[in-house]
Amino acid sequence: MTRSLKRTTSADVAREAGVSRTTVSYVLNNRPGQVIPEETRRRVMDAAERLHYRPHAGARALAAGHTDVVLLSLADLPMGPSLGRYVEELAGALAEHGLTLVTHLMSTHGRALTDVCAAVGASAVLGFRSFDEETVQALHRVGAVVVLPTTGRSSTMTMLGHAQAAHLIDRGHRRIGYLLPVEHTFASMAEDRLHGAADACARAGLTPPDSRVAAMEIDPLSRLAARWVEQGITAVCSYNDEYAIALLAAMQRIGLNAPGDLAVVGADDIPVARFAQPALSTVYVDLHEAGRQRAEAVVAGLHHRKFDEMLPVSSVRLVVRDSS
């Protein structure tokens, strides 16, 4: 038999502390404009601790006008080092504002995002790609106050791609290739990074990067590297560091070297990038700053204040090593 345990309420705390429920509410919710004697405040806090009282989520949401749950949709993205670190930074930044991050590994056969939002009572829903208008409105209908991002490309991914190509252009390269991943789950971010690289080329008066899709295998990457060299392409931006390291290995297999035959620059600065042969030049996003900025955007939105979704350009960093 399962024993039924009664949940401790604010009325229990009030009786234990010898004060009114209103006083308990003022103290535990830290209501502004209320002058509570320090001795009374201490009695309430001590009583709440002794009784293991935790405010009811619904009551807390009613008082604040929103819940403390933020839902992050990962939309089939593989949990690599960079994504895992970003989730950690975002969760920590939100926690500083009293908010809790819940992640949703959305897949084709999983529950719809709106259903998950309703089930967990999320007040904010975040993604890595802008949500379409129909989804935005559906999320608002089930209680989401904030939905981010809502428009256009990912400015962060575009800035990253721009920085990759700009670095190669600064090194004197005039014909640049772009290595795109074969996995469809990377498609949206790869497209944004390519767009940024194309913008850097356009600003320098160059033709757009010669973008090619290839599997992360030695043979197709060897053929692609040889083709690029034959076409007079002297430098390559890679969608990410894993693909860049694979490209370097494929080049070595057929006797090409970086940066002599092809300069290579990756993205994300994963831990093994510096151990590649040669050590990989790369571009990364300051994930601590990215998490902090997104958390502040959520808080501003929950309080109906204007906010800027754009990450500062200074948060995109270039790491120059031997491959470029």
C-alpha atoms as a PDB file:
ATOM      1  CA  MET A   1       0.000   0.000   0.000  1.00  0.00           C
ATOM      2  CA  THR A   2       1.243   3.487  -0.880  1.00  0.00           C
ATOM      3  CA  ARG A   3       1.058   5.993   1.924  1.00  0.00           C
ATOM      4  CA  SER A   4      -0.548   9.289   0.981  1.00  0.00           C
ATOM      5  CA  LEU A   5       1.529  12.287   2.062  1.00  0.00           C
ATOM      6  CA  LYS A   6      -0.160  15.669   2.469  1.00  0.00           C
ATOM      7  CA  ARG A   7       1.614  18.496   0.730  1.00  0.00           C
ATOM      8  CA  THR A   8       2.785  21.267   3.043  1.00  0.00           C
ATOM      9  CA  THR A   9       0.917  24.506   2.349  1.00  0.00           C
ATOM     10  CA  SER A  10       1.496  28.158   3.111  1.00  0.00           C
ATOM     11  CA  ALA A  11      -1.206  27.816   5.799  1.00  0.00           C
ATOM     12  CA  ASP A  12       0.989  25.238   7.563  1.00  0.00           C
ATOM     13  CA  VAL A  13       3.936  27.618   7.421  1.00  0.00           C
ATOM     14  CA  ALA A  14       1.770  30.445   8.761  1.00  0.00           C
ATOM     15  CA  ARG A  15       0.627  28.344  11.763  1.00  0.00           C
ATOM     16  CA  GLU A  16       4.182  27.185  12.456  1.00  0.00           C
ATOM     17  CA  ALA A  17       5.542  30.751  12.346  1.00  0.00           C
ATOM     18  CA  GLY A  18       2.562  32.327  14.139  1.00  0.00           C
ATOM     19  CA  VAL A  19       1.803  34.787  11.357  1.00  0.00           C
ATOM     20  CA  SER A  20      -0.862  35.265   8.679  1.00  0.00           C
ATOM     21  CA  ARG A  21      -0.809  33.572   5.260  1.00  0.00           C
ATOM     22  CA  THR A  22      -0.498  37.032   3.729  1.00  0.00           C
ATOM     23  CA  THR A  23       2.721  37.618   5.656  1.00  0.00           C
ATOM     24  CA  VAL A  24       4.037  34.240   4.501  1.00  0.00           C
ATOM     25  CA  SER A  25       3.258  35.207   0.893  1.00  0.00           C
ATOM     26  CA  TYR A  26       5.007  38.557   1.269  1.00  0.00           C
ATOM     27  CA  VAL A  27       8.131  36.948   2.731  1.00  0.00           C
ATOM     28  CA  LEU A  28       8.455  33.896   0.473  1.00  0.00           C
ATOM     29  CA  ASN A  29       7.685  35.810  -2.717  1.00  0.00           C
ATOM     30  CA  ASN A  30       9.872  38.730  -1.637  1.00  0.00           C
ATOM     31  CA  ARG A  31       7.105  41.164  -2.539  1.00  0.00           C
ATOM     32  CA  PRO A  32       8.410  44.696  -3.140  1.00  0.00           C
ATOM     33  CA  GLY A  33       7.006  47.591  -1.125  1.00  0.00           C
ATOM     34  CA  GLN A  34       6.228  45.443   1.940  1.00  0.00           C
ATOM     35  CA  VAL A  35       8.053  46.227   5.178  1.00  0.00           C
ATOM     36  CA  ILE A  36       8.380  43.013   7.174  1.00  0.00           C
ATOM     37  CA  PRO A  37      10.339  43.046  10.458  1.00  0.00           C
ATOM     38  CA  GLU A  38      13.521  41.028  10.176  1.00  0.00           C
ATOM     39  CA  GLU A  39      12.566  38.837  13.137  1.00  0.00           C
ATOM     40  CA  THR A  40       9.245  37.961  11.468  1.00  0.00           C
ATOM     41  CA  ARG A  41      10.945  37.275   8.171  1.00  0.00           C
ATOM     42  CA  ARG A  42      13.372  34.937   9.904  1.00  0.00           C
ATOM     43  CA  ARG A  43      10.541  33.054  11.672  1.00  0.00           C
ATOM     44  CA  VAL A  44       8.768  32.481   8.364  1.00  0.00           C
ATOM     45  CA  MET A  45      11.909  31.288   6.582  1.00  0.00           C
ATOM     46  CA  ASP A  46      12.811  28.963   9.475  1.00  0.00           C
ATOM     47  CA  ALA A  47       9.273  27.511   9.537  1.00  0.00           C
ATOM     48  CA  ALA A  48       9.320  26.930   5.786  1.00  0.00           C
ATOM     49  CA  GLU A  49      12.650  25.144   6.099  1.00  0.00           C
ATOM     50  CA  ARG A  50      11.514  22.926   8.967  1.00  0.00           C
ATOM     51  CA  LEU A  51       8.352  21.923   7.093  1.00  0.00           C
ATOM     52  CA  HIS A  52      10.225  21.429   3.782  1.00  0.00           C
ATOM     53  CA  TYR A  53       7.758  23.822   2.163  1.00  0.00           C
ATOM     54  CA  ARG A  54       7.974  24.394  -1.575  1.00  0.00           C
ATOM     55  CA  PRO A  55       5.663  26.942  -3.249  1.00  0.00           C
ATOM     56  CA  HIS A  56       3.122  25.381  -5.598  1.00  0.00           C
ATOM     57  CA  ALA A  57       4.094  26.003  -9.227  1.00  0.00           C
ATOM     58  CA  GLY A  58       0.592  27.110 -10.164  1.00  0.00           C
ATOM     59  CA  ALA A  59       0.374  29.626  -7.339  1.00  0.00           C
ATOM     60  CA  ARG A  60       3.840  30.924  -8.110  1.00  0.00           C
ATOM     61  CA  ALA A  61       2.906  31.344 -11.769  1.00  0.00           C
ATOM     62  CA  LEU A  62      -0.298  33.150 -10.846  1.00  0.00           C
ATOM     63  CA  ALA A  63       1.636  35.611  -8.688  1.00  0.00           C
ATOM     64  CA  ALA A  64       4.349  36.221 -11.293  1.00  0.00           C
ATOM     65  CA  GLY A  65       2.123  36.152 -14.368  1.00  0.00           C
ATOM     66  CA  HIS A  66       4.163  33.307 -15.887  1.00  0.00           C
ATOM     67  CA  THR A  67       5.745  29.997 -14.946  1.00  0.00           C
ATOM     68  CA  ASP A  68       9.485  29.546 -14.402  1.00  0.00           C
ATOM     69  CA  VAL A  69       9.807  26.902 -17.151  1.00  0.00           C
ATOM     70  CA  VAL A  70      11.709  27.593 -20.385  1.00  0.00           C
ATOM     71  CA  LEU A  71      11.465  24.942 -23.121  1.00  0.00           C
ATOM     72  CA  LEU A  72      14.369  24.474 -25.563  1.00  0.00           C
ATOM     73  CA  SER A  73      13.558  22.592 -28.775  1.00  0.00           C
ATOM     74  CA  LEU A  74      16.621  20.797 -30.136  1.00  0.00           C
ATOM     75  CA  ALA A  75      14.858  19.597 -33.296  1.00  0.00           C
ATOM     76  CA  ASP A  76      16.932  16.484 -34.027  1.00  0.00           C
ATOM     77  CA  LEU A  77      20.278  18.221 -33.520  1.00  0.00           C
ATOM     78  CA  PRO A  78      23.011  15.788 -32.413  1.00  0.00           C
ATOM     79  CA  MET A  79      24.320  16.555 -28.924  1.00  0.00           C
ATOM     80  CA  GLY A  80      27.936  17.379 -29.788  1.00  0.00           C
ATOM     81  CA  PRO A  81      30.397  19.214 -27.505  1.00  0.00           C
ATOM     82  CA  SER A  82      29.339  22.711 -28.582  1.00  0.00           C
ATOM     83  CA  LEU A  83      25.612  22.093 -28.288  1.00  0.00           C
ATOM     84  CA  GLY A  84      26.014  20.416 -24.913  1.00  0.00           C
ATOM     85  CA  ARG A  85      28.086  23.329 -23.622  1.00  0.00           C
ATOM     86  CA  TYR A  86      25.532  25.846 -24.903  1.00  0.00           C
ATOM     87  CA  VAL A  87      22.682  24.042 -23.128  1.00  0.00           C
ATOM     88  CA  GLU A  88      24.711  24.102 -19.894  1.00  0.00           C
ATOM     89  CA  GLU A  89      25.472  27.814 -20.229  1.00  0.00           C
ATOM     90  CA  LEU A  90      21.856  28.653 -21.067  1.00  0.00           C
ATOM     91  CA  ALA A  91      20.538  26.612 -18.149  1.00  0.00           C
ATOM     92  CA  GLY A  92      22.940  28.344 -15.764  1.00  0.00           C
ATOM     93  CA  ALA A  93      22.099  31.818 -17.056  1.00  0.00           C
ATOM     94  CA  LEU A  94      18.351  31.157 -16.774  1.00  0.00           C
ATOM     95  CA  ALA A  95      18.784  29.756 -13.249  1.00  0.00           C
ATOM     96  CA  GLU A  96      20.284  33.075 -12.171  1.00  0.00           C
ATOM     97  CA  HIS A  97      16.884  34.587 -13.004  1.00  0.00           C
ATOM     98  CA  GLY A  98      14.949  31.843 -11.203  1.00  0.00           C
ATOM     99  CA  LEU A  99      14.033  30.048 -14.445  1.00  0.00           C
ATOM    100  CA  THR A 100      14.312  26.326 -15.202  1.00  0.00           C
ATOM    101  CA  LEU A 101      15.355  24.956 -18.598  1.00  0.00           C
ATOM    102  CA  VAL A 102      13.642  21.874 -20.040  1.00  0.00           C
ATOM    103  CA  THR A 103      14.981  20.409 -23.293  1.00  0.00           C
ATOM    104  CA  HIS A 104      12.849  18.700 -25.929  1.00  0.00           C
ATOM    105  CA  LEU A 105      14.615  16.362 -28.343  1.00  0.00           C
ATOM    106  CA  MET A 106      12.021  16.855 -31.033  1.00  0.00           C
ATOM    107  CA  SER A 107      11.897  14.199 -33.754  1.00  0.00           C
ATOM    108  CA  THR A 108       9.573  13.300 -36.593  1.00  0.00           C
ATOM    109  CA  HIS A 109       7.734  10.714 -34.511  1.00  0.00           C
ATOM    110  CA  GLY A 110       7.822  12.518 -31.166  1.00  0.00           C
ATOM    111  CA  ARG A 111       5.193  14.689 -29.514  1.00  0.00           C
ATOM    112  CA  ALA A 112       4.446  18.006 -31.164  1.00  0.00           C
ATOM    113  CA  LEU A 113       6.253  20.984 -29.677  1.00  0.00           C
ATOM    114  CA  THR A 114       2.970  22.680 -28.739  1.00  0.00           C
ATOM    115  CA  ASP A 115       1.857  19.560 -26.837  1.00  0.00           C
ATOM    116  CA  VAL A 116       5.117  19.471 -24.886  1.00  0.00           C
ATOM    117  CA  CYS A 117       4.868  23.204 -24.170  1.00  0.00           C
ATOM    118  CA  ALA A 118       1.374  22.728 -22.743  1.00  0.00           C
ATOM    119  CA  ALA A 119       2.376  19.624 -20.755  1.00  0.00           C
ATOM    120  CA  VAL A 120       5.296  21.291 -18.950  1.00  0.00           C
ATOM    121  CA  GLY A 121       3.606  24.694 -18.682  1.00  0.00           C
ATOM    122  CA  ALA A 122       6.439  26.556 -20.417  1.00  0.00           C
ATOM    123  CA  SER A 123       6.277  30.334 -20.486  1.00  0.00           C
ATOM    124  CA  ALA A 124       9.084  30.610 -23.042  1.00  0.00           C
ATOM    125  CA  VAL A 125      10.024  28.398 -25.992  1.00  0.00           C
ATOM    126  CA  LEU A 126      13.449  28.618 -27.638  1.00  0.00           C
ATOM    127  CA  GLY A 127      14.909  27.089 -30.782  1.00  0.00           C
ATOM    128  CA  PHE A 128      17.961  27.308 -33.009  1.00  0.00           C
ATOM    129  CA  ARG A 129      15.972  28.205 -36.098  1.00  0.00           C
ATOM    130  CA  SER A 130      13.080  30.664 -36.390  1.00  0.00           C
ATOM    131  CA  PHE A 131       9.621  29.172 -35.852  1.00  0.00           C
ATOM    132  CA  ASP A 132       7.009  29.672 -38.550  1.00  0.00           C
ATOM    133  CA  GLU A 133       4.097  31.966 -37.762  1.00  0.00           C
ATOM    134  CA  GLU A 134       1.596  29.123 -37.358  1.00  0.00           C
ATOM    135  CA  THR A 135       3.811  27.475 -34.718  1.00  0.00           C
ATOM    136  CA  VAL A 136       4.398  30.780 -32.939  1.00  0.00           C
ATOM    137  CA  GLN A 137       0.668  31.425 -32.635  1.00  0.00           C
ATOM    138  CA  ALA A 138       0.000  27.847 -31.492  1.00  0.00           C
ATOM    139  CA  LEU A 139       2.653  28.174 -28.780  1.00  0.00           C
ATOM    140  CA  HIS A 140       1.146  31.461 -27.592  1.00  0.00           C
ATOM    141  CA  ARG A 141      -2.276  29.811 -27.401  1.00  0.00           C
ATOM    142  CA  VAL A 142      -0.991  27.122 -25.028  1.00  0.00           C
ATOM    143  CA  GLY A 143       0.652  29.645 -22.709  1.00  0.00           C
ATOM    144  CA  ALA A 144       4.060  30.601 -24.101  1.00  0.00           C
ATOM    145  CA  VAL A 145       4.695  34.290 -23.510  1.00  0.00           C
ATOM    146  CA  VAL A 146       8.037  34.335 -25.313  1.00  0.00           C
ATOM    147  CA  VAL A 147       9.001  32.435 -28.493  1.00  0.00           C
ATOM    148  CA  LEU A 148      12.556  32.845 -29.858  1.00  0.00           C
ATOM    149  CA  PRO A 149      13.720  33.218 -32.540  1.00  0.00           C
ATOM    150  CA  THR A 150      10.780  34.320 -34.658  1.00  0.00           C
ATOM    151  CA  THR A 151      12.278  35.840 -37.807  1.00  0.00           C
ATOM    152  CA  GLY A 152      14.952  35.346 -40.431  1.00  0.00           C
ATOM    153  CA  ARG A 153      18.201  33.436 -40.390  1.00  0.00           C
ATOM    154  CA  SER A 154      20.275  32.689 -37.318  1.00  0.00           C
ATOM    155  CA  SER A 155      22.386  35.834 -37.068  1.00  0.00           C
ATOM    156  CA  THR A 156      24.928  33.969 -34.926  1.00  0.00           C
ATOM    157  CA  MET A 157      25.472  31.235 -37.524  1.00  0.00           C
ATOM    158  CA  THR A 158      25.676  33.836 -40.290  1.00  0.00           C
ATOM    159  CA  MET A 159      28.329  35.781 -38.372  1.00  0.00           C
ATOM    160  CA  LEU A 160      30.303  32.579 -37.846  1.00  0.00           C
ATOM    161  CA  GLY A 161      30.338  31.762 -41.564  1.00  0.00           C
ATOM    162  CA  HIS A 162      31.273  35.356 -42.377  1.00  0.00           C
ATOM    163  CA  ALA A 163      34.238  35.171 -39.991  1.00  0.00           C
ATOM    164  CA  GLN A 164      35.456  31.930 -41.591  1.00  0.00           C
ATOM    165  CA  ALA A 165      35.570  33.373 -45.094  1.00  0.00           C
ATOM    166  CA  ALA A 166      36.856  36.781 -43.968  1.00  0.00           C
ATOM    167  CA  HIS A 167      39.849  35.086 -42.342  1.00  0.00           C
ATOM    168  CA  LEU A 168      40.734  33.276 -45.574  1.00  0.00           C
ATOM    169  CA  ILE A 169      40.219  36.430 -47.638  1.00  0.00           C
ATOM    170  CA  ASP A 170      42.526  38.324 -45.280  1.00  0.00           C
ATOM    171  CA  ARG A 171      45.131  35.630 -45.962  1.00  0.00           C
ATOM    172  CA  GLY A 172      44.958  36.468 -49.676  1.00  0.00           C
ATOM    173  CA  HIS A 173      42.685  33.705 -50.946  1.00  0.00           C
ATOM    174  CA  ARG A 174      40.364  34.659 -53.790  1.00  0.00           C
ATOM    175  CA  ARG A 175      38.641  31.376 -54.660  1.00  0.00           C
ATOM    176  CA  ILE A 176      37.063  29.661 -51.688  1.00  0.00           C
ATOM    177  CA  GLY A 177      35.188  26.398 -51.272  1.00  0.00           C
ATOM    178  CA  TYR A 178      32.611  25.537 -48.630  1.00  0.00           C
ATOM    179  CA  LEU A 179      32.242  21.972 -47.326  1.00  0.00           C
ATOM    180  CA  LEU A 180      28.632  21.217 -46.381  1.00  0.00           C
ATOM    181  CA  PRO A 181      27.475  18.191 -44.365  1.00  0.00           C
ATOM    182  CA  VAL A 182      25.437  15.388 -45.873  1.00  0.00           C
ATOM    183  CA  GLU A 183      23.252  15.019 -42.751  1.00  0.00           C
ATOM    184  CA  HIS A 184      19.880  16.762 -43.163  1.00  0.00           C
ATOM    185  CA  THR A 185      19.779  17.611 -39.451  1.00  0.00           C
ATOM    186  CA  PHE A 186      22.626  20.079 -39.995  1.00  0.00           C
ATOM    187  CA  ALA A 187      21.051  21.664 -43.073  1.00  0.00           C
ATOM    188  CA  SER A 188      19.586  24.831 -41.569  1.00  0.00           C
ATOM    189  CA  MET A 189      22.699  25.845 -39.642  1.00  0.00           C
ATOM    190  CA  ALA A 190      24.926  24.922 -42.585  1.00  0.00           C
ATOM    191  CA  GLU A 191      22.829  27.109 -44.870  1.00  0.00           C
ATOM    192  CA  ASP A 192      23.176  30.056 -42.483  1.00  0.00           C
ATOM    193  CA  ARG A 193      26.943  29.605 -42.199  1.00  0.00           C
ATOM    194  CA  LEU A 194      27.277  29.381 -45.983  1.00  0.00           C
ATOM    195  CA  HIS A 195      25.185  32.547 -46.322  1.00  0.00           C
ATOM    196  CA  GLY A 196      27.599  34.386 -44.026  1.00  0.00           C
ATOM    197  CA  ALA A 197      30.612  33.169 -46.014  1.00  0.00           C
ATOM    198  CA  ALA A 198      28.963  34.255 -49.257  1.00  0.00           C
ATOM    199  CA  ASP A 199      28.365  37.705 -47.769  1.00  0.00           C
ATOM    200  CA  ALA A 200      32.048  38.031 -46.856  1.00  0.00           C
ATOM    201  CA  CYS A 201      33.016  37.086 -50.417  1.00  0.00           C
ATOM    202  CA  ALA A 202      30.540  39.575 -51.888  1.00  0.00           C
ATOM    203  CA  ARG A 203      31.921  42.364 -49.720  1.00  0.00           C
ATOM    204  CA  ALA A 204      35.414  41.570 -51.029  1.00  0.00           C
ATOM    205  CA  GLY A 205      34.212  41.532 -54.644  1.00  0.00           C
ATOM    206  CA  LEU A 206      34.691  37.766 -54.973  1.00  0.00           C
ATOM    207  CA  THR A 207      32.470  35.052 -56.405  1.00  0.00           C
ATOM    208  CA  PRO A 208      30.423  33.061 -53.857  1.00  0.00           C
ATOM    209  CA  PRO A 209      32.096  30.020 -52.280  1.00  0.00           C
ATOM    210  CA  ASP A 210      31.973  26.821 -54.308  1.00  0.00           C
ATOM    211  CA  SER A 211      29.745  24.874 -51.922  1.00  0.00           C
ATOM    212  CA  ARG A 212      29.758  21.075 -52.039  1.00  0.00           C
ATOM    213  CA  VAL A 213      28.024  18.414 -49.978  1.00  0.00           C
ATOM    214  CA  ALA A 214      30.071  15.381 -48.991  1.00  0.00           C
ATOM    215  CA  ALA A 215      29.874  12.491 -46.541  1.00  0.00           C
ATOM    216  CA  MET A 216      32.425  12.388 -43.739  1.00  0.00           C
ATOM    217  CA  GLU A 217      34.392   9.610 -45.451  1.00  0.00           C
ATOM    218  CA  ILE A 218      37.952   9.544 -46.799  1.00  0.00           C
ATOM    219  CA  ASP A 219      37.158   8.617 -50.407  1.00  0.00           C
ATOM    220  CA  PRO A 220      34.492  11.246 -51.231  1.00  0.00           C
ATOM    221  CA  LEU A 221      36.438  13.927 -49.360  1.00  0.00           C
ATOM    222  CA  SER A 222      39.651  12.993 -51.218  1.00  0.00           C
ATOM    223  CA  ARG A 223      37.870  13.326 -54.550  1.00  0.00           C
ATOM    224  CA  LEU A 224      36.381  16.656 -53.521  1.00  0.00           C
ATOM    225  CA  ALA A 225      39.730  18.060 -52.348  1.00  0.00           C
ATOM    226  CA  ALA A 226      41.382  17.027 -55.623  1.00  0.00           C
ATOM    227  CA  ARG A 227      38.565  18.629 -57.634  1.00  0.00           C
ATOM    228  CA  TRP A 228      38.852  21.886 -55.711  1.00  0.00           C
ATOM    229  CA  VAL A 229      42.604  22.055 -56.332  1.00  0.00           C
ATOM    230  CA  GLU A 230      42.066  21.384 -60.052  1.00  0.00           C
ATOM    231  CA  GLN A 231      39.535  24.239 -60.167  1.00  0.00           C
ATOM    232  CA  GLY A 232      42.012  26.679 -58.652  1.00  0.00           C
ATOM    233  CA  ILE A 233      40.307  26.894 -55.278  1.00  0.00           C
ATOM    234  CA  THR A 234      42.953  27.565 -52.626  1.00  0.00           C
ATOM    235  CA  ALA A 235      41.005  27.613 -49.354  1.00  0.00           C
ATOM    236  CA  VAL A 236      38.005  25.884 -47.815  1.00  0.00           C
ATOM    237  CA  CYS A 237      35.562  26.734 -45.032  1.00  0.00           C
ATOM    238  CA  SER A 238      34.125  23.652 -43.375  1.00  0.00           C
ATOM    239  CA  TYR A 239      30.659  23.500 -41.818  1.00  0.00           C
ATOM    240  CA  ASN A 240      32.229  22.327 -38.563  1.00  0.00           C
ATOM    241  CA  ASP A 241      35.474  21.077 -37.064  1.00  0.00           C
ATOM    242  CA  GLU A 242      34.629  17.380 -37.444  1.00  0.00           C
ATOM    243  CA  TYR A 243      34.229  17.751 -41.202  1.00  0.00           C
ATOM    244  CA  ALA A 244      37.351  19.931 -41.389  1.00  0.00           C
ATOM    245  CA  ILE A 245      39.463  17.328 -39.575  1.00  0.00           C
ATOM    246  CA  ALA A 246      38.114  14.611 -41.880  1.00  0.00           C
ATOM    247  CA  LEU A 247      39.002  16.780 -44.890  1.00  0.00           C
ATOM    248  CA  LEU A 248      42.564  17.222 -43.605  1.00  0.00           C
ATOM    249  CA  ALA A 249      42.912  13.452 -43.258  1.00  0.00           C
ATOM    250  CA  ALA A 250      41.570  12.924 -46.788  1.00  0.00           C
ATOM    251  CA  MET A 251      44.008  15.507 -48.171  1.00  0.00           C
ATOM    252  CA  GLN A 252      46.935  13.727 -46.551  1.00  0.00           C
ATOM    253  CA  ARG A 253      45.794  10.458 -48.110  1.00  0.00           C
ATOM    254  CA  ILE A 254      46.265  11.889 -51.630  1.00  0.00           C
ATOM    255  CA  GLY A 255      49.392  13.924 -50.897  1.00  0.00           C
ATOM    256  CA  LEU A 256      47.825  17.373 -50.441  1.00  0.00           C
ATOM    257  CA  ASN A 257      48.800  19.565 -47.526  1.00  0.00           C
ATOM    258  CA  ALA A 258      47.255  22.441 -45.604  1.00  0.00           C
ATOM    259  CA  PRO A 259      47.652  25.302 -45.970  1.00  0.00           C
ATOM    260  CA  GLY A 260      49.949  24.894 -49.001  1.00  0.00           C
ATOM    261  CA  ASP A 261      47.491  23.186 -51.350  1.00  0.00           C
ATOM    262  CA  LEU A 262      44.270  24.040 -49.530  1.00  0.00           C
ATOM    263  CA  ALA A 263      43.923  26.232 -46.476  1.00  0.00           C
ATOM    264  CA  VAL A 264      41.211  24.893 -44.180  1.00  0.00           C
ATOM    265  CA  VAL A 265      39.203  26.630 -41.464  1.00  0.00           C
ATOM    266  CA  GLY A 266      36.608  24.863 -39.299  1.00  0.00           C
ATOM    267  CA  ALA A 267      33.901  25.997 -36.925  1.00  0.00           C
ATOM    268  CA  ASP A 268      33.062  25.488 -33.229  1.00  0.00           C
ATOM    269  CA  ASP A 269      36.598  24.919 -31.815  1.00  0.00           C
ATOM    270  CA  ILE A 270      35.926  21.465 -30.418  1.00  0.00           C
ATOM    271  CA  PRO A 271      38.575  20.173 -27.970  1.00  0.00           C
ATOM    272  CA  VAL A 272      40.335  17.947 -30.526  1.00  0.00           C
ATOM    273  CA  ALA A 273      40.721  20.730 -33.116  1.00  0.00           C
ATOM    274  CA  ARG A 274      44.110  21.738 -31.769  1.00  0.00           C
ATOM    275  CA  PHE A 275      45.336  18.121 -32.102  1.00  0.00           C
ATOM    276  CA  ALA A 276      44.495  17.817 -35.806  1.00  0.00           C
ATOM    277  CA  GLN A 277      47.343  17.465 -38.307  1.00  0.00           C
ATOM    278  CA  PRO A 278      47.982  20.286 -38.913  1.00  0.00           C
ATOM    279  CA  ALA A 279      46.315  22.040 -35.961  1.00  0.00           C
ATOM    280  CA  LEU A 280      42.974  23.365 -37.167  1.00  0.00           C
ATOM    281  CA  SER A 281      42.147  27.046 -37.500  1.00  0.00           C
ATOM    282  CA  THR A 282      38.549  27.585 -36.514  1.00  0.00           C
ATOM    283  CA  VAL A 283      35.857  30.051 -35.516  1.00  0.00           C
ATOM    284  CA  TYR A 284      33.676  29.677 -32.462  1.00  0.00           C
ATOM    285  CA  VAL A 285      30.920  31.440 -30.576  1.00  0.00           C
ATOM    286  CA  ASP A 286      31.451  32.511 -26.960  1.00  0.00           C
ATOM    287  CA  LEU A 287      28.859  30.106 -25.542  1.00  0.00           C
ATOM    288  CA  HIS A 288      28.852  31.730 -22.114  1.00  0.00           C
ATOM    289  CA  GLU A 289      27.925  35.056 -23.685  1.00  0.00           C
ATOM    290  CA  ALA A 290      25.417  33.380 -26.011  1.00  0.00           C
ATOM    291  CA  GLY A 291      23.666  31.698 -23.062  1.00  0.00           C
ATOM    292  CA  ARG A 292      23.642  34.900 -21.024  1.00  0.00           C
ATOM    293  CA  GLN A 293      22.269  36.981 -23.891  1.00  0.00           C
ATOM    294  CA  ARG A 294      19.492  34.519 -24.679  1.00  0.00           C
ATOM    295  CA  ALA A 295      18.527  34.287 -20.990  1.00  0.00           C
ATOM    296  CA  GLU A 296      18.295  38.074 -20.765  1.00  0.00           C
ATOM    297  CA  ALA A 297      16.130  38.132 -23.889  1.00  0.00           C
ATOM    298  CA  VAL A 298      13.779  35.607 -22.256  1.00  0.00           C
ATOM    299  CA  VAL A 299      13.555  37.600 -19.026  1.00  0.00           C
ATOM    300  CA  ALA A 300      12.902  40.834 -20.927  1.00  0.00           C
ATOM    301  CA  GLY A 301      10.170  39.144 -22.946  1.00  0.00           C
ATOM    302  CA  LEU A 302       8.490  37.677 -19.863  1.00  0.00           C
ATOM    303  CA  HIS A 303       8.328  41.186 -18.406  1.00  0.00           C
ATOM    304  CA  HIS A 304       7.109  42.644 -21.719  1.00  0.00           C
ATOM    305  CA  ARG A 305      10.239  44.691 -22.281  1.00  0.00           C
ATOM    306  CA  LYS A 306      11.977  45.197 -25.615  1.00  0.00           C
ATOM    307  CA  PHE A 307      15.064  43.090 -26.207  1.00  0.00           C
ATOM    308  CA  ASP A 308      17.708  42.546 -28.867  1.00  0.00           C
ATOM    309  CA  GLU A 309      18.017  38.967 -30.173  1.00  0.00           C
ATOM    310  CA  MET A 310      21.308  39.771 -31.936  1.00  0.00           C
ATOM    311  CA  LEU A 311      24.459  38.381 -30.326  1.00  0.00           C
ATOM    312  CA  PRO A 312      27.307  40.946 -30.311  1.00  0.00           C
ATOM    313  CA  VAL A 313      29.806  40.471 -33.154  1.00  0.00           C
ATOM    314  CA  SER A 314      32.569  40.353 -30.530  1.00  0.00           C
ATOM    315  CA  SER A 315      31.135  37.028 -29.313  1.00  0.00           C
ATOM    316  CA  VAL A 316      32.285  35.300 -32.522  1.00  0.00           C
ATOM    317  CA  ARG A 317      35.970  34.466 -32.091  1.00  0.00           C
ATOM    318  CA  LEU A 318      38.670  33.400 -34.559  1.00  0.00           C
ATOM    319  CA  VAL A 319      41.338  30.894 -33.508  1.00  0.00           C
ATOM    320  CA  VAL A 320      44.255  30.874 -35.945  1.00  0.00           C
ATOM    321  CA  ARG A 321      46.330  27.686 -36.027  1.00  0.00           C
ATOM    322  CA  ASP A 322      48.429  25.935 -38.672  1.00  0.00           C
ATOM    323  CA  SER A 323      45.794  24.788 -41.198  1.00  0.00           C
ATOM    324  CA  SER A 324      45.205  28.261 -42.646  1.00  0.00           C
END
